[in-house]
């Protein structure tokens, strides 16, 4: 499950604001700032993995090259960046996300599978399925917001608060 860090500000009235704590100005309130882990929605159970292509090692050309970027001598002198070429399609993936050659090999293959999936399956690829699920989820959220706003408006009119 993916998690992401979110800065949350709580005041003494137990209301939650999802803004930056330095931008929040409240009088007569105590503000406590915490870092809270929130969970992203997992779509794994809704995805169809049956059409995802598999990589054959005979179709791949793998090279280990020197990395670049921050890290100084540890990255500039070691051949731990992976360049993976898929011979039939000509796709090339270069991965240097970690200092470990093994992790970079694994990640480069994952990226290559994603690229091939997008090429072969187009609208049925895993990324397209995730985008469709997120779009559906956003539409549901928008509908709920709209319905809540209508209910609040009707309440104000009924109670004569406007």
Protein backbone atom coordinates (compact mmCIF):
# COMPACT_ATOMS: atom_id res chain seq x y z
CA UNK A 1 0.00 0.00 0.00
CA UNK A 2 1.41 3.38 -0.92
CA UNK A 3 1.71 6.01 1.76
CA UNK A 4 2.53 9.65 1.56
CA UNK A 5 3.43 12.18 4.18
CA UNK A 6 0.97 14.98 4.81
CA UNK A 7 1.42 17.97 7.07
CA UNK A 8 -1.70 18.41 9.17
CA UNK A 9 -2.53 21.31 11.46
CA UNK A 10 -4.93 20.75 14.35
CA UNK A 11 -6.34 23.60 16.38
CA UNK A 12 -8.07 23.39 19.74
CA UNK A 13 -11.49 23.03 18.11
CA UNK A 14 -10.35 19.70 16.52
CA UNK A 15 -10.84 20.96 13.00
CA UNK A 16 -8.35 19.73 10.41
CA UNK A 17 -6.87 22.05 7.84
CA UNK A 18 -4.81 20.67 4.98
CA UNK A 19 -2.85 23.87 4.42
CA UNK A 20 0.67 24.78 5.29
CA UNK A 21 1.01 25.49 9.01
CA UNK A 22 2.94 28.73 8.42
CA UNK A 23 0.09 30.13 6.30
CA UNK A 24 -2.59 29.45 8.92
CA UNK A 25 -3.43 32.44 11.09
CA UNK A 26 -5.78 31.81 14.02
CA UNK A 27 -6.32 33.99 17.02
CA UNK A 28 -6.89 32.47 20.48
CA UNK A 29 -6.08 28.95 19.29
CA UNK A 30 -3.23 26.57 19.91
CA UNK A 31 -1.84 25.00 16.77
CA UNK A 32 -0.12 21.62 16.76
CA UNK A 33 1.63 20.49 13.58
CA UNK A 34 2.27 16.81 12.92
CA UNK A 35 3.42 14.69 10.04
CA UNK A 36 0.75 12.08 9.36
CA UNK A 37 0.98 9.12 6.97
CA UNK A 38 -2.03 8.86 4.65
CA UNK A 39 -2.87 5.89 2.46
CA UNK A 40 -3.39 6.09 -1.26
CA UNK A 41 -6.16 4.07 -2.82
CA UNK A 42 -4.96 0.67 -4.03
CA UNK A 43 -6.49 -0.45 -7.31
CA UNK A 44 -4.71 -3.82 -7.53
CA UNK A 45 -7.83 -5.90 -7.02
CA UNK A 46 -9.68 -4.06 -9.81
CA UNK A 47 -6.97 -4.38 -12.48
CA UNK A 48 -6.81 -7.01 -15.20
CA UNK A 49 -3.23 -8.30 -15.44
CA UNK A 50 -4.02 -11.02 -17.99
CA UNK A 51 -2.79 -9.02 -21.01
CA UNK A 52 0.46 -7.74 -19.51
CA UNK A 53 3.38 -8.83 -21.73
CA UNK A 54 6.26 -10.87 -20.36
CA UNK A 55 9.89 -10.12 -21.12
CA UNK A 56 12.05 -12.78 -22.68
CA UNK A 57 15.72 -12.48 -21.87
CA UNK A 58 16.64 -13.27 -25.50
CA UNK A 59 14.83 -10.10 -26.63
CA UNK A 60 16.75 -7.89 -24.20
CA UNK A 61 20.15 -6.29 -24.52
CA UNK A 62 21.51 -5.19 -21.17
CA UNK A 63 24.42 -2.88 -20.44
CA UNK A 64 25.82 -1.55 -17.20
CA UNK A 65 27.11 2.00 -17.49
CA UNK A 66 28.44 4.56 -15.09
CA UNK A 67 25.84 6.57 -13.25
CA UNK A 68 25.60 10.33 -13.04
CA UNK A 69 24.11 12.93 -10.79
CA UNK A 70 24.51 13.60 -7.09
CA UNK A 71 26.49 11.17 -4.98
CA UNK A 72 30.05 12.01 -5.98
CA UNK A 73 32.58 9.24 -6.32
CA UNK A 74 30.14 6.54 -5.22
CA UNK A 75 28.01 7.04 -8.34
CA UNK A 76 30.54 8.34 -10.84
CA UNK A 77 33.04 5.45 -10.59
CA UNK A 78 30.73 2.45 -10.37
CA UNK A 79 28.88 0.80 -13.25
CA UNK A 80 25.53 0.38 -11.56
CA UNK A 81 23.24 2.21 -13.99
CA UNK A 82 21.33 -0.19 -16.25
CA UNK A 83 20.56 0.44 -19.92
CA UNK A 84 18.01 -2.05 -21.18
CA UNK A 85 17.13 -2.32 -24.87
CA UNK A 86 14.19 -4.33 -26.21
CA UNK A 87 15.40 -5.57 -29.61
CA UNK A 88 12.02 -6.14 -31.37
CA UNK A 89 10.62 -2.68 -30.58
CA UNK A 90 13.81 -0.67 -30.10
CA UNK A 91 12.71 0.73 -26.74
CA UNK A 92 15.59 1.81 -24.52
CA UNK A 93 15.29 2.27 -20.75
CA UNK A 94 18.03 3.70 -18.56
CA UNK A 95 17.62 3.27 -14.83
CA UNK A 96 19.84 4.69 -12.11
CA UNK A 97 17.43 5.21 -9.22
CA UNK A 98 19.50 3.48 -6.54
CA UNK A 99 23.15 2.60 -5.89
CA UNK A 100 22.35 -1.10 -6.16
CA UNK A 101 22.81 -2.73 -9.56
CA UNK A 102 20.29 -5.45 -8.67
CA UNK A 103 17.57 -2.93 -7.77
CA UNK A 104 18.26 -0.94 -10.93
CA UNK A 105 18.00 -4.10 -13.08
CA UNK A 106 14.67 -4.96 -11.47
CA UNK A 107 13.30 -1.43 -11.84
CA UNK A 108 14.46 -1.16 -15.49
CA UNK A 109 12.55 -4.37 -16.31
CA UNK A 110 9.42 -3.01 -14.60
CA UNK A 111 9.64 0.19 -16.66
CA UNK A 112 10.18 -1.82 -19.85
CA UNK A 113 7.11 -3.98 -19.12
CA UNK A 114 5.05 -0.83 -18.54
CA UNK A 115 6.22 0.66 -21.84
CA UNK A 116 5.44 -2.52 -23.74
CA UNK A 117 2.05 -2.81 -22.04
CA UNK A 118 1.19 0.75 -23.08
CA UNK A 119 2.30 0.05 -26.66
CA UNK A 120 0.53 -3.29 -27.11
CA UNK A 121 -2.63 -2.93 -25.02
CA UNK A 122 -3.26 0.82 -25.33
CA UNK A 123 -6.60 1.43 -23.53
CA UNK A 124 -6.42 -1.94 -21.73
CA UNK A 125 -2.95 -1.34 -20.28
CA UNK A 126 -2.49 -1.19 -16.53
CA UNK A 127 -1.80 2.58 -16.56
CA UNK A 128 -4.94 3.21 -18.66
CA UNK A 129 -7.00 1.08 -16.27
CA UNK A 130 -5.67 3.05 -13.29
CA UNK A 131 -6.43 6.35 -15.04
CA UNK A 132 -9.99 5.17 -15.74
CA UNK A 133 -10.50 4.12 -12.10
CA UNK A 134 -9.14 7.44 -10.85
CA UNK A 135 -11.41 9.32 -13.25
CA UNK A 136 -14.40 7.33 -11.98
CA UNK A 137 -13.40 8.00 -8.38
CA UNK A 138 -13.01 11.73 -9.09
CA UNK A 139 -16.45 11.83 -10.75
CA UNK A 140 -17.92 10.22 -7.65
CA UNK A 141 -16.21 12.78 -5.43
CA UNK A 142 -17.46 15.65 -7.61
CA UNK A 143 -21.01 14.28 -7.48
CA UNK A 144 -20.87 14.03 -3.68
CA UNK A 145 -19.53 17.60 -3.39
CA UNK A 146 -22.25 18.91 -5.69
CA UNK A 147 -24.98 17.05 -3.80
CA UNK A 148 -23.69 18.31 -0.44
CA UNK A 149 -23.60 21.90 -1.75
CA UNK A 150 -27.20 21.55 -2.97
CA UNK A 151 -28.29 20.15 0.39
CA UNK A 152 -26.58 23.01 2.25
CA UNK A 153 -28.20 25.56 -0.06
CA UNK A 154 -31.65 23.98 0.45
CA UNK A 155 -31.10 23.96 4.24
CA UNK A 156 -30.15 27.65 4.26
CA UNK A 157 -33.20 28.57 2.17
CA UNK A 158 -35.50 26.43 4.32
CA UNK A 159 -34.19 27.91 7.57
CA UNK A 160 -34.05 31.44 6.19
CA UNK A 161 -30.30 31.85 6.78
CA UNK A 162 -29.48 33.53 3.46
